[in-house]
Each structure stands twice: as C-alpha cells, then as structure tokens.
N, C-alpha and C. Protein backbone atom coordinates (compact mmCIF):
# COMPACT_ATOMS: atom_id res chain seq x y z
N UNK A 1 222.43 197.37 -5.06
CA UNK A 1 222.16 196.26 -5.96
C UNK A 1 222.71 196.61 -7.35
N UNK A 2 223.38 195.65 -7.98
CA UNK A 2 223.99 195.98 -9.26
C UNK A 2 223.03 195.75 -10.43
N UNK A 3 223.47 196.13 -11.62
CA UNK A 3 222.63 196.07 -12.82
C UNK A 3 222.22 194.63 -13.16
N UNK A 4 223.10 193.66 -12.92
CA UNK A 4 222.76 192.27 -13.21
C UNK A 4 221.62 191.79 -12.32
N UNK A 5 221.69 192.14 -11.05
CA UNK A 5 220.63 191.76 -10.12
C UNK A 5 219.32 192.43 -10.53
N UNK A 6 219.38 193.71 -10.88
CA UNK A 6 218.17 194.43 -11.31
C UNK A 6 217.55 193.77 -12.54
N UNK A 7 218.40 193.36 -13.48
CA UNK A 7 217.91 192.71 -14.70
C UNK A 7 217.19 191.40 -14.36
N UNK A 8 217.75 190.61 -13.46
CA UNK A 8 217.11 189.35 -13.07
C UNK A 8 215.81 189.60 -12.31
N UNK A 9 215.81 190.57 -11.42
CA UNK A 9 214.58 190.89 -10.67
C UNK A 9 213.48 191.33 -11.63
N UNK A 10 213.83 192.10 -12.66
CA UNK A 10 212.84 192.51 -13.67
C UNK A 10 212.28 191.28 -14.39
N UNK A 11 213.17 190.36 -14.76
CA UNK A 11 212.74 189.14 -15.45
C UNK A 11 211.77 188.35 -14.58
N UNK A 12 212.10 188.19 -13.30
CA UNK A 12 211.24 187.46 -12.36
C UNK A 12 209.86 188.11 -12.29
N UNK A 13 209.83 189.42 -12.16
CA UNK A 13 208.56 190.15 -12.06
C UNK A 13 207.77 190.07 -13.36
N UNK A 14 208.43 190.36 -14.48
CA UNK A 14 207.74 190.39 -15.78
C UNK A 14 207.19 189.03 -16.18
N UNK A 15 207.81 187.95 -15.74
CA UNK A 15 207.37 186.61 -16.13
C UNK A 15 206.59 185.90 -15.02
N UNK A 16 206.28 186.61 -13.95
CA UNK A 16 205.46 186.06 -12.88
C UNK A 16 206.07 184.83 -12.22
N UNK A 17 207.37 184.83 -12.09
CA UNK A 17 208.06 183.68 -11.48
C UNK A 17 207.99 183.81 -9.96
N UNK A 18 207.62 182.74 -9.32
CA UNK A 18 207.53 182.72 -7.85
C UNK A 18 208.91 182.39 -7.30
N UNK A 19 209.74 183.44 -7.19
CA UNK A 19 211.11 183.28 -6.69
C UNK A 19 211.45 184.46 -5.80
N UNK A 20 212.28 184.19 -4.82
CA UNK A 20 212.75 185.24 -3.92
C UNK A 20 214.18 185.59 -4.32
N UNK A 21 214.45 186.87 -4.49
CA UNK A 21 215.80 187.34 -4.81
C UNK A 21 216.46 187.81 -3.52
N UNK A 22 217.66 187.30 -3.24
CA UNK A 22 218.37 187.61 -2.01
C UNK A 22 219.72 188.26 -2.34
N UNK A 23 220.00 189.41 -1.73
CA UNK A 23 221.29 190.10 -1.91
C UNK A 23 222.07 190.07 -0.61
N UNK A 24 223.37 189.90 -0.72
CA UNK A 24 224.24 189.81 0.45
C UNK A 24 225.43 190.77 0.31
N UNK A 25 226.11 190.99 1.42
CA UNK A 25 227.31 191.82 1.43
C UNK A 25 228.56 190.97 1.21
N UNK A 26 228.38 189.65 1.06
CA UNK A 26 229.53 188.77 0.89
C UNK A 26 229.37 187.94 -0.37
N UNK A 27 230.44 187.28 -0.79
CA UNK A 27 230.45 186.49 -2.01
C UNK A 27 229.58 185.25 -1.89
N UNK A 28 228.91 184.94 -2.99
CA UNK A 28 228.14 183.71 -3.12
C UNK A 28 228.68 182.90 -4.29
N UNK A 29 229.94 183.18 -4.66
CA UNK A 29 230.53 182.57 -5.86
C UNK A 29 230.57 181.05 -5.76
N UNK A 30 231.02 180.52 -4.65
CA UNK A 30 231.06 179.06 -4.50
C UNK A 30 229.82 178.61 -3.71
N UNK A 31 229.50 177.34 -3.81
CA UNK A 31 228.36 176.80 -3.07
C UNK A 31 228.59 176.99 -1.57
N UNK A 32 229.82 176.78 -1.12
CA UNK A 32 230.12 176.94 0.31
C UNK A 32 229.91 178.38 0.76
N UNK A 33 230.40 179.35 -0.06
CA UNK A 33 230.20 180.77 0.27
C UNK A 33 228.72 181.12 0.31
N UNK A 34 227.98 180.60 -0.67
CA UNK A 34 226.55 180.90 -0.77
C UNK A 34 225.80 180.32 0.43
N UNK A 35 226.17 179.12 0.85
CA UNK A 35 225.51 178.49 2.00
C UNK A 35 225.74 179.31 3.27
N UNK A 36 226.95 179.82 3.43
CA UNK A 36 227.24 180.66 4.59
C UNK A 36 226.42 181.94 4.54
N UNK A 37 226.39 182.59 3.38
CA UNK A 37 225.67 183.85 3.24
C UNK A 37 224.18 183.67 3.53
N UNK A 38 223.59 182.59 3.01
CA UNK A 38 222.15 182.37 3.16
C UNK A 38 221.79 181.63 4.44
N UNK A 39 222.80 181.21 5.19
CA UNK A 39 222.59 180.43 6.41
C UNK A 39 221.70 179.22 6.11
N UNK A 40 222.10 178.50 5.05
CA UNK A 40 221.35 177.33 4.59
C UNK A 40 222.33 176.18 4.33
N UNK A 41 221.85 174.95 4.34
CA UNK A 41 222.75 173.82 4.10
C UNK A 41 223.21 173.76 2.64
N UNK A 42 224.44 173.28 2.45
CA UNK A 42 225.00 173.13 1.10
C UNK A 42 224.06 172.28 0.23
N UNK A 43 223.37 171.34 0.83
CA UNK A 43 222.48 170.44 0.09
C UNK A 43 221.29 171.16 -0.54
N UNK A 44 221.04 172.43 -0.19
CA UNK A 44 219.91 173.18 -0.74
C UNK A 44 220.29 173.98 -1.99
N UNK A 45 221.55 173.87 -2.44
CA UNK A 45 222.03 174.70 -3.54
C UNK A 45 222.19 173.91 -4.83
N UNK A 46 222.02 174.63 -5.94
CA UNK A 46 222.31 174.06 -7.26
C UNK A 46 223.39 174.91 -7.92
N UNK A 47 224.11 174.26 -8.85
CA UNK A 47 225.11 174.95 -9.66
C UNK A 47 224.62 174.98 -11.10
N UNK A 48 224.90 176.07 -11.77
CA UNK A 48 224.59 176.22 -13.19
C UNK A 48 225.90 176.14 -13.95
N UNK A 49 226.18 174.98 -14.52
CA UNK A 49 227.45 174.76 -15.21
C UNK A 49 227.26 175.12 -16.68
N UNK A 50 227.91 176.20 -17.10
CA UNK A 50 227.74 176.72 -18.45
C UNK A 50 228.72 176.07 -19.41
N UNK A 51 228.18 175.57 -20.52
CA UNK A 51 228.95 174.89 -21.55
C UNK A 51 228.58 175.48 -22.90
N UNK A 52 229.42 175.18 -23.90
CA UNK A 52 229.13 175.61 -25.27
C UNK A 52 229.21 174.41 -26.19
N UNK A 53 228.25 174.31 -27.13
CA UNK A 53 228.32 173.24 -28.12
C UNK A 53 229.29 173.66 -29.23
N UNK A 54 229.46 172.82 -30.23
CA UNK A 54 230.44 173.07 -31.29
C UNK A 54 230.15 174.36 -32.06
N UNK A 55 228.89 174.80 -32.06
CA UNK A 55 228.52 176.05 -32.75
C UNK A 55 228.57 177.26 -31.82
N UNK A 56 228.93 177.04 -30.57
CA UNK A 56 229.02 178.15 -29.62
C UNK A 56 227.72 178.47 -28.92
N UNK A 57 226.72 177.59 -29.04
CA UNK A 57 225.44 177.81 -28.37
C UNK A 57 225.55 177.42 -26.90
N UNK A 58 224.94 178.21 -26.01
CA UNK A 58 225.05 177.91 -24.58
C UNK A 58 224.15 176.76 -24.14
N UNK A 59 224.73 175.93 -23.28
CA UNK A 59 224.02 174.83 -22.63
C UNK A 59 224.29 175.01 -21.14
N UNK A 60 223.26 174.90 -20.32
CA UNK A 60 223.43 175.04 -18.88
C UNK A 60 222.98 173.74 -18.23
N UNK A 61 223.95 173.06 -17.59
CA UNK A 61 223.65 171.84 -16.85
C UNK A 61 223.44 172.25 -15.39
N UNK A 62 222.26 171.97 -14.86
CA UNK A 62 221.93 172.36 -13.49
C UNK A 62 222.00 171.11 -12.62
N UNK A 63 222.95 171.13 -11.67
CA UNK A 63 223.18 169.99 -10.78
C UNK A 63 223.15 170.45 -9.34
N UNK A 64 222.95 169.51 -8.43
CA UNK A 64 223.02 169.83 -7.00
C UNK A 64 224.41 170.37 -6.69
N UNK A 65 224.49 171.21 -5.66
CA UNK A 65 225.74 171.86 -5.32
C UNK A 65 226.91 170.93 -5.07
N UNK A 66 226.64 169.75 -4.56
CA UNK A 66 227.73 168.82 -4.27
C UNK A 66 228.07 167.92 -5.46
N UNK A 67 227.30 168.00 -6.54
CA UNK A 67 227.54 167.16 -7.72
C UNK A 67 228.36 167.90 -8.78
N UNK A 68 228.86 167.13 -9.72
CA UNK A 68 229.60 167.70 -10.85
C UNK A 68 228.84 167.34 -12.12
N UNK A 69 228.86 168.23 -13.08
CA UNK A 69 228.19 167.99 -14.37
C UNK A 69 229.12 167.21 -15.29
N UNK A 70 228.54 166.33 -16.07
CA UNK A 70 229.29 165.50 -17.01
C UNK A 70 229.05 165.98 -18.44
N UNK A 71 230.12 166.39 -19.11
CA UNK A 71 229.97 166.81 -20.51
C UNK A 71 229.56 165.63 -21.38
N UNK A 72 229.98 164.43 -21.00
CA UNK A 72 229.59 163.22 -21.76
C UNK A 72 228.09 162.99 -21.66
N UNK A 73 227.55 163.11 -20.45
CA UNK A 73 226.09 162.92 -20.27
C UNK A 73 225.31 164.02 -20.99
N UNK A 74 225.81 165.24 -20.97
CA UNK A 74 225.16 166.33 -21.69
C UNK A 74 225.14 166.03 -23.18
N UNK A 75 226.27 165.58 -23.71
CA UNK A 75 226.35 165.23 -25.14
C UNK A 75 225.36 164.13 -25.49
N UNK A 76 225.29 163.10 -24.65
CA UNK A 76 224.37 161.99 -24.89
C UNK A 76 222.92 162.46 -24.85
N UNK A 77 222.59 163.31 -23.88
CA UNK A 77 221.21 163.79 -23.74
C UNK A 77 220.76 164.61 -24.95
N UNK A 78 221.70 165.36 -25.52
CA UNK A 78 221.35 166.24 -26.64
C UNK A 78 221.69 165.65 -28.01
N UNK A 79 222.39 164.51 -28.02
CA UNK A 79 222.78 163.90 -29.29
C UNK A 79 223.78 164.76 -30.05
N UNK A 80 224.74 165.32 -29.32
CA UNK A 80 225.75 166.21 -29.93
C UNK A 80 227.15 165.76 -29.52
N UNK A 81 228.16 166.39 -30.13
CA UNK A 81 229.54 166.18 -29.68
C UNK A 81 229.64 166.73 -28.26
N UNK A 82 230.64 166.24 -27.52
CA UNK A 82 230.82 166.72 -26.15
C UNK A 82 231.02 168.23 -26.15
N UNK A 83 230.22 168.94 -25.36
CA UNK A 83 230.41 170.39 -25.26
C UNK A 83 231.64 170.68 -24.40
N UNK A 84 232.08 171.91 -24.43
CA UNK A 84 233.19 172.31 -23.57
C UNK A 84 232.68 173.33 -22.56
N UNK A 85 233.40 173.41 -21.44
CA UNK A 85 233.03 174.40 -20.44
C UNK A 85 233.27 175.80 -20.99
N UNK A 86 232.39 176.70 -20.69
CA UNK A 86 232.53 178.09 -21.13
C UNK A 86 233.50 178.81 -20.19
N UNK A 87 234.24 179.76 -20.74
CA UNK A 87 235.12 180.59 -19.92
C UNK A 87 234.28 181.66 -19.23
N UNK A 88 234.81 182.30 -18.19
CA UNK A 88 234.04 183.38 -17.54
C UNK A 88 233.61 184.48 -18.52
N UNK A 89 234.47 184.85 -19.46
CA UNK A 89 234.09 185.87 -20.46
C UNK A 89 232.96 185.38 -21.35
N UNK A 90 233.01 184.10 -21.75
CA UNK A 90 231.95 183.54 -22.59
C UNK A 90 230.64 183.43 -21.82
N UNK A 91 230.72 183.10 -20.54
CA UNK A 91 229.51 183.02 -19.71
C UNK A 91 228.81 184.38 -19.69
N UNK A 92 229.57 185.44 -19.44
CA UNK A 92 229.00 186.78 -19.43
C UNK A 92 228.42 187.14 -20.79
N UNK A 93 229.15 186.84 -21.85
CA UNK A 93 228.70 187.17 -23.21
C UNK A 93 227.43 186.40 -23.59
N UNK A 94 227.38 185.11 -23.28
CA UNK A 94 226.26 184.26 -23.72
C UNK A 94 225.02 184.35 -22.83
N UNK A 95 225.22 184.56 -21.52
CA UNK A 95 224.07 184.58 -20.62
C UNK A 95 223.68 185.99 -20.19
N UNK A 96 224.63 186.92 -20.26
CA UNK A 96 224.37 188.27 -19.78
C UNK A 96 224.58 188.40 -18.28
N UNK A 97 225.15 187.35 -17.67
CA UNK A 97 225.41 187.36 -16.22
C UNK A 97 226.84 186.88 -15.96
N UNK A 98 227.45 187.38 -14.91
CA UNK A 98 228.83 186.98 -14.61
C UNK A 98 228.92 185.57 -14.01
N UNK A 99 230.05 184.92 -14.26
CA UNK A 99 230.37 183.64 -13.67
C UNK A 99 230.30 183.80 -12.15
N UNK A 100 229.68 182.85 -11.48
CA UNK A 100 229.54 182.94 -10.03
C UNK A 100 228.22 183.55 -9.60
N UNK A 101 227.48 184.11 -10.55
CA UNK A 101 226.18 184.68 -10.25
C UNK A 101 225.13 184.28 -11.27
N UNK A 102 225.52 183.41 -12.20
CA UNK A 102 224.64 183.02 -13.29
C UNK A 102 223.39 182.33 -12.75
N UNK A 103 222.22 182.86 -13.08
CA UNK A 103 220.97 182.23 -12.61
C UNK A 103 220.60 181.00 -13.43
N UNK A 104 219.58 180.29 -12.97
CA UNK A 104 219.09 179.08 -13.64
C UNK A 104 218.05 179.39 -14.71
N UNK A 105 217.80 180.64 -14.99
CA UNK A 105 216.78 181.06 -15.97
C UNK A 105 217.02 182.53 -16.29
N UNK A 106 216.32 183.02 -17.31
CA UNK A 106 216.38 184.46 -17.60
C UNK A 106 217.19 184.83 -18.82
N UNK A 107 217.59 183.86 -19.62
CA UNK A 107 218.38 184.12 -20.83
C UNK A 107 218.21 182.92 -21.76
N UNK A 108 218.62 183.09 -23.02
CA UNK A 108 218.47 182.03 -24.01
C UNK A 108 219.60 181.01 -23.87
N UNK A 109 219.22 179.77 -23.59
CA UNK A 109 220.16 178.65 -23.50
C UNK A 109 219.36 177.36 -23.50
N UNK A 110 220.04 176.25 -23.71
CA UNK A 110 219.43 174.93 -23.57
C UNK A 110 219.70 174.51 -22.13
N UNK A 111 218.65 174.36 -21.33
CA UNK A 111 218.80 174.02 -19.92
C UNK A 111 218.54 172.52 -19.72
N UNK A 112 219.48 171.87 -19.06
CA UNK A 112 219.35 170.47 -18.69
C UNK A 112 219.39 170.40 -17.16
N UNK A 113 218.34 169.87 -16.57
CA UNK A 113 218.22 169.82 -15.11
C UNK A 113 218.42 168.38 -14.66
N UNK A 114 219.40 168.16 -13.81
CA UNK A 114 219.63 166.82 -13.30
C UNK A 114 218.41 166.36 -12.50
N UNK A 115 218.07 165.10 -12.65
CA UNK A 115 216.87 164.56 -12.00
C UNK A 115 216.91 164.69 -10.48
N UNK A 116 218.10 164.66 -9.87
CA UNK A 116 218.19 164.81 -8.41
C UNK A 116 217.77 166.21 -7.96
N UNK A 117 217.94 167.20 -8.82
CA UNK A 117 217.54 168.57 -8.49
C UNK A 117 216.02 168.63 -8.32
N UNK A 118 215.29 167.89 -9.14
CA UNK A 118 213.83 167.94 -9.09
C UNK A 118 213.27 167.27 -7.83
N UNK A 119 214.10 166.51 -7.11
CA UNK A 119 213.66 165.88 -5.86
C UNK A 119 213.73 166.84 -4.68
N UNK A 120 214.38 167.98 -4.87
CA UNK A 120 214.56 168.95 -3.79
C UNK A 120 213.27 169.74 -3.58
N UNK A 121 213.06 170.21 -2.35
CA UNK A 121 211.85 170.98 -2.05
C UNK A 121 212.03 172.43 -2.48
N UNK A 122 213.13 173.03 -2.09
CA UNK A 122 213.46 174.42 -2.42
C UNK A 122 214.92 174.45 -2.83
N UNK A 123 215.24 175.30 -3.81
CA UNK A 123 216.63 175.41 -4.23
C UNK A 123 217.09 176.87 -4.15
N UNK A 124 218.38 177.02 -3.96
CA UNK A 124 219.05 178.30 -4.07
C UNK A 124 219.91 178.23 -5.32
N UNK A 125 219.86 179.28 -6.12
CA UNK A 125 220.62 179.33 -7.36
C UNK A 125 221.21 180.73 -7.51
N UNK A 126 222.00 180.94 -8.55
CA UNK A 126 222.60 182.25 -8.80
C UNK A 126 221.55 183.34 -8.88
N UNK A 127 221.90 184.52 -8.35
CA UNK A 127 220.97 185.64 -8.32
C UNK A 127 221.34 186.78 -9.25
N UNK A 128 222.27 186.53 -10.18
CA UNK A 128 222.64 187.56 -11.14
C UNK A 128 224.00 188.17 -10.88
N UNK A 129 224.46 188.14 -9.63
CA UNK A 129 225.78 188.68 -9.30
C UNK A 129 226.46 187.70 -8.34
N UNK A 130 227.72 187.95 -8.06
CA UNK A 130 228.46 187.07 -7.15
C UNK A 130 228.04 187.23 -5.70
N UNK A 131 227.16 188.19 -5.41
CA UNK A 131 226.71 188.37 -4.03
C UNK A 131 225.19 188.30 -3.91
N UNK A 132 224.56 187.52 -4.78
CA UNK A 132 223.11 187.37 -4.71
C UNK A 132 222.68 185.96 -5.10
N UNK A 133 221.49 185.60 -4.66
CA UNK A 133 220.92 184.28 -4.92
C UNK A 133 219.44 184.41 -5.24
N UNK A 134 218.89 183.36 -5.83
CA UNK A 134 217.44 183.23 -5.94
C UNK A 134 217.05 181.98 -5.16
N UNK A 135 215.86 182.02 -4.56
CA UNK A 135 215.32 180.86 -3.85
C UNK A 135 213.95 180.58 -4.48
N UNK A 136 213.76 179.33 -4.91
CA UNK A 136 212.51 178.95 -5.54
C UNK A 136 212.39 177.43 -5.54
N UNK A 137 211.26 176.93 -6.01
CA UNK A 137 211.08 175.48 -6.10
C UNK A 137 211.69 175.00 -7.42
N UNK A 138 212.13 173.75 -7.47
CA UNK A 138 212.66 173.22 -8.73
C UNK A 138 211.62 173.27 -9.85
N UNK A 139 210.36 173.02 -9.50
CA UNK A 139 209.28 173.06 -10.51
C UNK A 139 209.16 174.46 -11.11
N UNK A 140 209.22 175.48 -10.26
CA UNK A 140 209.15 176.87 -10.74
C UNK A 140 210.34 177.18 -11.64
N UNK A 141 211.53 176.69 -11.25
CA UNK A 141 212.72 176.91 -12.08
C UNK A 141 212.55 176.25 -13.44
N UNK A 142 212.05 175.02 -13.45
CA UNK A 142 211.88 174.33 -14.73
C UNK A 142 210.86 175.05 -15.62
N UNK A 143 209.81 175.56 -15.01
CA UNK A 143 208.83 176.32 -15.81
C UNK A 143 209.47 177.59 -16.37
N UNK A 144 210.36 178.21 -15.59
CA UNK A 144 211.00 179.46 -16.03
C UNK A 144 212.02 179.23 -17.13
N UNK A 145 212.68 178.06 -17.15
CA UNK A 145 213.73 177.85 -18.15
C UNK A 145 213.38 176.79 -19.19
N UNK A 146 212.20 176.19 -19.11
CA UNK A 146 211.78 175.12 -20.03
C UNK A 146 212.82 174.02 -20.10
N UNK A 147 213.44 173.72 -18.97
CA UNK A 147 214.52 172.74 -18.94
C UNK A 147 214.06 171.31 -19.12
N UNK A 148 214.98 170.52 -19.66
CA UNK A 148 214.77 169.10 -19.86
C UNK A 148 215.36 168.38 -18.66
N UNK A 149 214.59 167.47 -18.06
CA UNK A 149 215.06 166.72 -16.90
C UNK A 149 215.76 165.46 -17.39
N UNK A 150 217.05 165.38 -17.07
CA UNK A 150 217.87 164.26 -17.53
C UNK A 150 219.08 164.15 -16.61
N UNK A 151 219.62 162.98 -16.46
CA UNK A 151 220.80 162.86 -15.61
C UNK A 151 222.00 163.50 -16.31
N UNK A 152 222.54 164.53 -15.68
CA UNK A 152 223.74 165.19 -16.21
C UNK A 152 224.89 165.18 -15.19
N UNK A 153 224.63 164.66 -13.99
CA UNK A 153 225.69 164.58 -13.00
C UNK A 153 226.61 163.42 -13.31
N UNK A 154 227.86 163.55 -12.83
CA UNK A 154 228.84 162.47 -13.02
C UNK A 154 228.47 161.30 -12.15
C-alpha cells in the first residue's frame, strides 16, 4: 500500500468515517477500470472532477461515473467565474492525492455533489492512489466533505 492510501486510511480512521478502503493490483484510474477491479457495475461509481477557481482554490465536482461535470453549472452554483479543470500536477498539489486516485474527501476544497449521486445506495470513489477505491454511502461522503448538493452534471 502506498503513502497516499495510508494517508487516506488514517483520515478515515481519525474522523470516524464509515468507509471501506479497497486496494487492487490493477489500475482504477478510469471508471471502467475501477468497475472491473471491484467487480461492480459502472453505475455504482462516482468521479471527482477537480477544478480551480480564478484564485486557484480547489473545487471538486462529484458526479456519477457515467456523467460529466459542467464548469458552467459549478460557476452558477458558487456565483463565480467559470472554473477551469485542474492539471494532474495541480490536482496532486491542491489535494495531496494523484489524479486517478483522488478521493471525495480528506483535504481542503469546496465540494459540490451532484443530486443524482445522493440517490445512490452505495458509491465507489477514489481511494488515494490509482489502484485503490473507497466504498461508502453518499450520506457518509457528504458528512465527510461538507459538500453542497447541487446539479453539476451536464
């Protein structure tokens, strides 16, 4: 298990989050890869789309795995100029986790959770590395990240 996974597992334990951390020998970078690794349907996954506002502050739009995040909807929800997608280097710098493994909680950011995500029973999300996942309820995720529920999907 790598240092990023260890850091996330510590956060889960220290904050009493009811989440299961799963490590695999294969990539979980894409939703399709993650679904294969976890032997779960693509519909059970969420994506954490990392963006930056004009001041460089991180915003994470959490959408179902098959959906795409809208920078326009994010801007409208926050009353800001349209944010831009963060680069992989910026994702690591701002969240402390690599692109492809970024979790839905565990670092300072403005979290926006698409309303369709909250309708799911259980979700799989980034587990800190490209070969790990977390499994938890959407309600538990929202409590862990203090996310705002708003439509951010296209």
